[in-house]
Protein backbone atom coordinates (compact mmCIF):
# COMPACT_ATOMS: atom_id res chain seq x y z
CA UNK A 1 0.18 -0.16 0.03
CA UNK A 2 2.98 2.22 0.92
CA UNK A 3 4.28 1.60 -2.68
CA UNK A 4 1.19 2.42 -4.12
CA UNK A 5 0.21 5.38 -2.54
CA UNK A 6 4.29 6.42 -3.15
CA UNK A 7 2.81 6.54 -7.10
CA UNK A 8 0.67 9.63 -7.69
CA UNK A 9 2.69 11.48 -5.30
CA UNK A 10 6.38 10.94 -6.99
CA UNK A 11 3.92 11.76 -10.49
CA UNK A 12 2.54 15.29 -8.42
CA UNK A 13 5.91 15.73 -7.79
CA UNK A 14 6.91 15.23 -11.41
CA UNK A 15 4.03 17.20 -12.60
CA UNK A 16 4.47 20.30 -10.39
CA UNK A 17 8.09 20.40 -11.66
CA UNK A 18 7.42 20.40 -14.70
CA UNK A 19 5.12 23.08 -15.05
CA UNK A 20 7.70 25.52 -13.21
CA UNK A 21 6.10 25.63 -9.28
CA UNK A 22 10.30 24.66 -8.44
CA UNK A 23 10.85 27.75 -10.23
CA UNK A 24 8.24 30.39 -8.85
CA UNK A 25 9.84 29.28 -5.84
CA UNK A 26 13.54 29.78 -6.77
CA UNK A 27 12.53 33.30 -8.52
CA UNK A 28 10.65 34.19 -5.69
CA UNK A 29 12.91 33.47 -2.77
CA UNK A 30 15.65 35.82 -5.73
CA UNK A 31 13.09 38.68 -5.48
CA UNK A 32 12.87 38.26 -1.85
CA UNK A 33 16.92 38.56 -1.46
CA UNK A 34 17.18 41.32 -3.95
CA UNK A 35 14.75 43.81 -2.74
CA UNK A 36 16.24 43.58 1.10
CA UNK A 37 19.45 44.53 -0.36
CA UNK A 38 17.60 47.45 -2.63
CA UNK A 39 16.30 48.53 1.00
CA UNK A 40 19.67 48.29 2.37
CA UNK A 41 21.36 50.62 0.32
CA UNK A 42 18.47 52.82 0.75
CA UNK A 43 18.12 53.23 3.42
CA UNK A 44 22.51 53.28 4.03
CA UNK A 45 21.78 56.67 1.69
CA UNK A 46 19.14 57.78 3.75
CA UNK A 47 21.76 57.43 6.98
CA UNK A 48 23.97 59.81 5.42
CA UNK A 49 21.48 62.14 4.57
CA UNK A 50 21.71 63.68 8.37
CA UNK A 51 25.63 64.32 8.15
CA UNK A 52 25.11 65.73 4.94
CA UNK A 53 23.10 68.34 5.27
CA UNK A 54 24.81 68.91 8.95
CA UNK A 55 27.38 70.10 7.17
CA UNK A 56 25.94 72.42 4.30
CA UNK A 57 24.12 74.26 7.34
CA UNK A 58 27.46 75.44 8.00
CA UNK A 59 27.98 77.28 5.23
CA UNK A 60 27.19 80.72 5.15
CA UNK A 61 24.26 81.63 2.57
CA UNK A 62 23.46 78.28 1.28
CA UNK A 63 20.10 77.69 -0.79
CA UNK A 64 17.98 77.13 2.69
CA UNK A 65 15.41 75.80 -0.77
CA UNK A 66 18.18 73.06 -1.95
CA UNK A 67 18.51 71.66 2.14
CA UNK A 68 14.79 72.06 2.85
CA UNK A 69 14.00 70.07 -0.73
CA UNK A 70 16.56 67.17 0.55
CA UNK A 71 15.01 66.98 4.36
CA UNK A 72 11.56 66.62 2.76
CA UNK A 73 11.80 63.97 0.61
CA UNK A 74 14.20 61.55 2.73
CA UNK A 75 11.14 62.36 4.99
CA UNK A 76 8.46 61.21 2.60
CA UNK A 77 11.11 58.94 1.20
CA UNK A 78 11.58 57.28 5.05
CA UNK A 79 7.61 57.79 5.90
CA UNK A 80 7.03 54.76 3.38
CA UNK A 81 6.54 51.42 5.06
CA UNK A 82 8.48 49.32 2.51
CA UNK A 83 7.71 46.32 3.95
CA UNK A 84 7.81 42.43 2.13
CA UNK A 85 4.74 42.53 0.48
CA UNK A 86 4.96 46.07 -0.75
CA UNK A 87 6.56 44.05 -3.98
CA UNK A 88 3.19 43.04 -4.77
CA UNK A 89 0.99 46.02 -4.97
CA UNK A 90 1.53 47.95 -7.95
CA UNK A 91 0.47 50.99 -6.47
CA UNK A 92 2.63 50.85 -3.24
CA UNK A 93 4.87 50.25 -5.51
CA UNK A 94 4.82 52.90 -7.47
CA UNK A 95 4.43 55.38 -4.75
CA UNK A 96 7.81 54.26 -2.83
CA UNK A 97 9.88 54.69 -6.76
CA UNK A 98 8.78 57.89 -6.67
CA UNK A 99 9.34 59.32 -3.84
CA UNK A 100 13.30 57.56 -3.79
CA UNK A 101 13.76 59.49 -6.94
CA UNK A 102 12.79 62.85 -5.95
CA UNK A 103 14.88 62.29 -3.42
CA UNK A 104 17.71 61.40 -6.25
CA UNK A 105 16.22 64.29 -7.43
CA UNK A 106 17.06 66.84 -4.24
CA UNK A 107 20.53 65.27 -3.49
CA UNK A 108 21.38 65.40 -6.68
CA UNK A 109 20.42 69.49 -6.18
CA UNK A 110 22.69 69.87 -3.82
CA UNK A 111 25.37 68.75 -4.59
CA UNK A 112 25.26 70.79 -7.87
CA UNK A 113 25.00 73.38 -6.18
CA UNK A 114 27.68 72.95 -3.20
CA UNK A 115 30.15 73.15 -6.28
CA UNK A 116 29.94 77.00 -6.19
CA UNK A 117 30.89 77.42 -2.28
CA UNK A 118 35.01 77.21 -2.34
CA UNK A 119 34.99 76.37 1.52
CA UNK A 120 32.49 73.08 0.94
CA UNK A 121 34.89 71.62 -2.31
CA UNK A 122 38.15 72.02 0.49
CA UNK A 123 36.30 70.85 3.46
CA UNK A 124 37.67 67.09 3.78
CA UNK A 125 34.71 66.23 5.86
CA UNK A 126 31.71 66.91 3.27
CA UNK A 127 33.55 65.60 0.33
CA UNK A 128 34.06 62.36 2.53
CA UNK A 129 30.19 62.26 3.00
CA UNK A 130 29.94 63.39 -1.25
CA UNK A 131 32.38 60.04 -1.50
CA UNK A 132 30.07 57.65 0.48
CA UNK A 133 26.86 58.71 -1.32
CA UNK A 134 28.21 58.47 -4.72
CA UNK A 135 29.54 55.03 -3.82
CA UNK A 136 25.79 53.63 -2.24
CA UNK A 137 24.07 55.81 -4.94
CA UNK A 138 26.22 53.19 -7.37
CA UNK A 139 25.24 50.16 -4.59
CA UNK A 140 21.52 51.06 -5.33
CA UNK A 141 21.95 50.67 -9.48
CA UNK A 142 23.44 47.43 -8.86
CA UNK A 143 21.16 46.38 -6.18
CA UNK A 144 17.64 47.20 -8.06
CA UNK A 145 19.46 45.84 -11.56
CA UNK A 146 19.50 42.31 -9.73
CA UNK A 147 15.85 42.99 -8.78
CA UNK A 148 15.10 43.90 -12.04
CA UNK A 149 16.17 41.09 -13.66
CA UNK A 150 14.74 38.79 -10.89
CA UNK A 151 11.64 40.45 -11.50
CA UNK A 152 11.91 39.77 -15.08
CA UNK A 153 12.68 36.55 -15.28
CA UNK A 154 9.86 35.63 -12.54
CA UNK A 155 7.57 37.64 -14.37
CA UNK A 156 7.87 35.91 -17.68
CA UNK A 157 7.27 32.45 -15.93
CA UNK A 158 4.38 33.45 -14.49
CA UNK A 159 3.27 34.56 -18.10
CA UNK A 160 4.47 31.63 -20.86
CA UNK A 161 2.52 28.18 -21.26
CA UNK A 162 2.43 26.16 -19.10
CA UNK A 163 3.86 27.75 -16.19
CA UNK A 164 0.80 30.76 -16.58
CA UNK A 165 -1.17 27.57 -15.70
CA UNK A 166 0.73 26.71 -12.16
CA UNK A 167 0.01 30.26 -11.34
CA UNK A 168 -3.04 30.72 -11.88
CA UNK A 169 -3.96 27.61 -9.53
CA UNK A 170 -1.27 28.78 -6.77
CA UNK A 171 -2.40 32.73 -7.58
CA UNK A 172 1.08 33.97 -8.76
CA UNK A 173 0.76 37.26 -9.89
CA UNK A 174 2.86 39.56 -12.13
CA UNK A 175 4.44 42.09 -9.52
CA UNK A 176 5.66 45.09 -10.29
CA UNK A 177 8.90 46.30 -11.67
CA UNK A 178 11.45 49.73 -11.99
CA UNK A 179 10.38 51.35 -14.83
CA UNK A 180 12.54 52.00 -17.45
CA UNK A 181 13.04 55.86 -17.80
CA UNK A 182 13.63 55.88 -13.88
CA UNK A 183 16.39 52.23 -14.61
CA UNK A 184 18.08 54.76 -16.75
CA UNK A 185 18.31 57.41 -14.69
CA UNK A 186 19.35 55.85 -11.70
CA UNK A 187 21.93 53.90 -13.23
CA UNK A 188 23.93 57.68 -13.60
CA UNK A 189 25.21 58.56 -10.13
CA UNK A 190 24.62 62.27 -9.57
CA UNK A 191 28.08 63.49 -10.87
CA UNK A 192 29.84 66.76 -10.40
CA UNK A 193 31.95 68.45 -12.60
CA UNK A 194 34.66 69.95 -9.83
CA UNK A 195 36.06 72.22 -12.79
CA UNK A 196 32.98 73.99 -13.75
CA UNK A 197 31.82 77.46 -12.42
CA UNK A 198 29.43 77.43 -9.63
CA UNK A 199 26.13 79.64 -11.09
CA UNK A 200 24.01 78.95 -8.26
CA UNK A 201 21.95 81.60 -6.70
CA UNK A 202 23.14 83.01 -3.63
CA UNK A 203 27.02 81.78 -3.99
CA UNK A 204 29.63 82.94 -1.76
CA UNK A 205 31.83 84.61 -4.02
């Protein structure tokens, strides 16, 4: 009887494997791991910002609007609870993506404006923080790239036949991904030309 009961179980196992069930498990785990790394790098960036803002505040006549936008963008980005479930909610994922994009833009603007302040350019502490930020932006790009690839592999499996049948049976749905336009933007970390003359308003001479 044991042997007879084993046969249907073995057949079911082979059937699930052939229909992509195991692929769903492996790709889903890869997505979770990639997403965790994305969040780690975003958190690393968020942790750098208070020190960057504090350093820049010490510069006389620095553009207050630029600093305010960075602080506000960080607050919005960190206010979103980036739980594992977020990657299954397209609307929540889009809001998270938009908030991080706004923060990237605000930081980029701050770096550009800082070039108009010679004392900041000569401030080793600020330059060290800027180097850390550049490194973090690169890590974010790499982490996001891995996440994008993991989601693409998963979504192809969800949509393809016959694995799409398995997806319907077990409730596997297409997951949201970073947009192509946003991916192009974040693939290029903020760059500052140290040889370019500053032209920001309120710059010290």
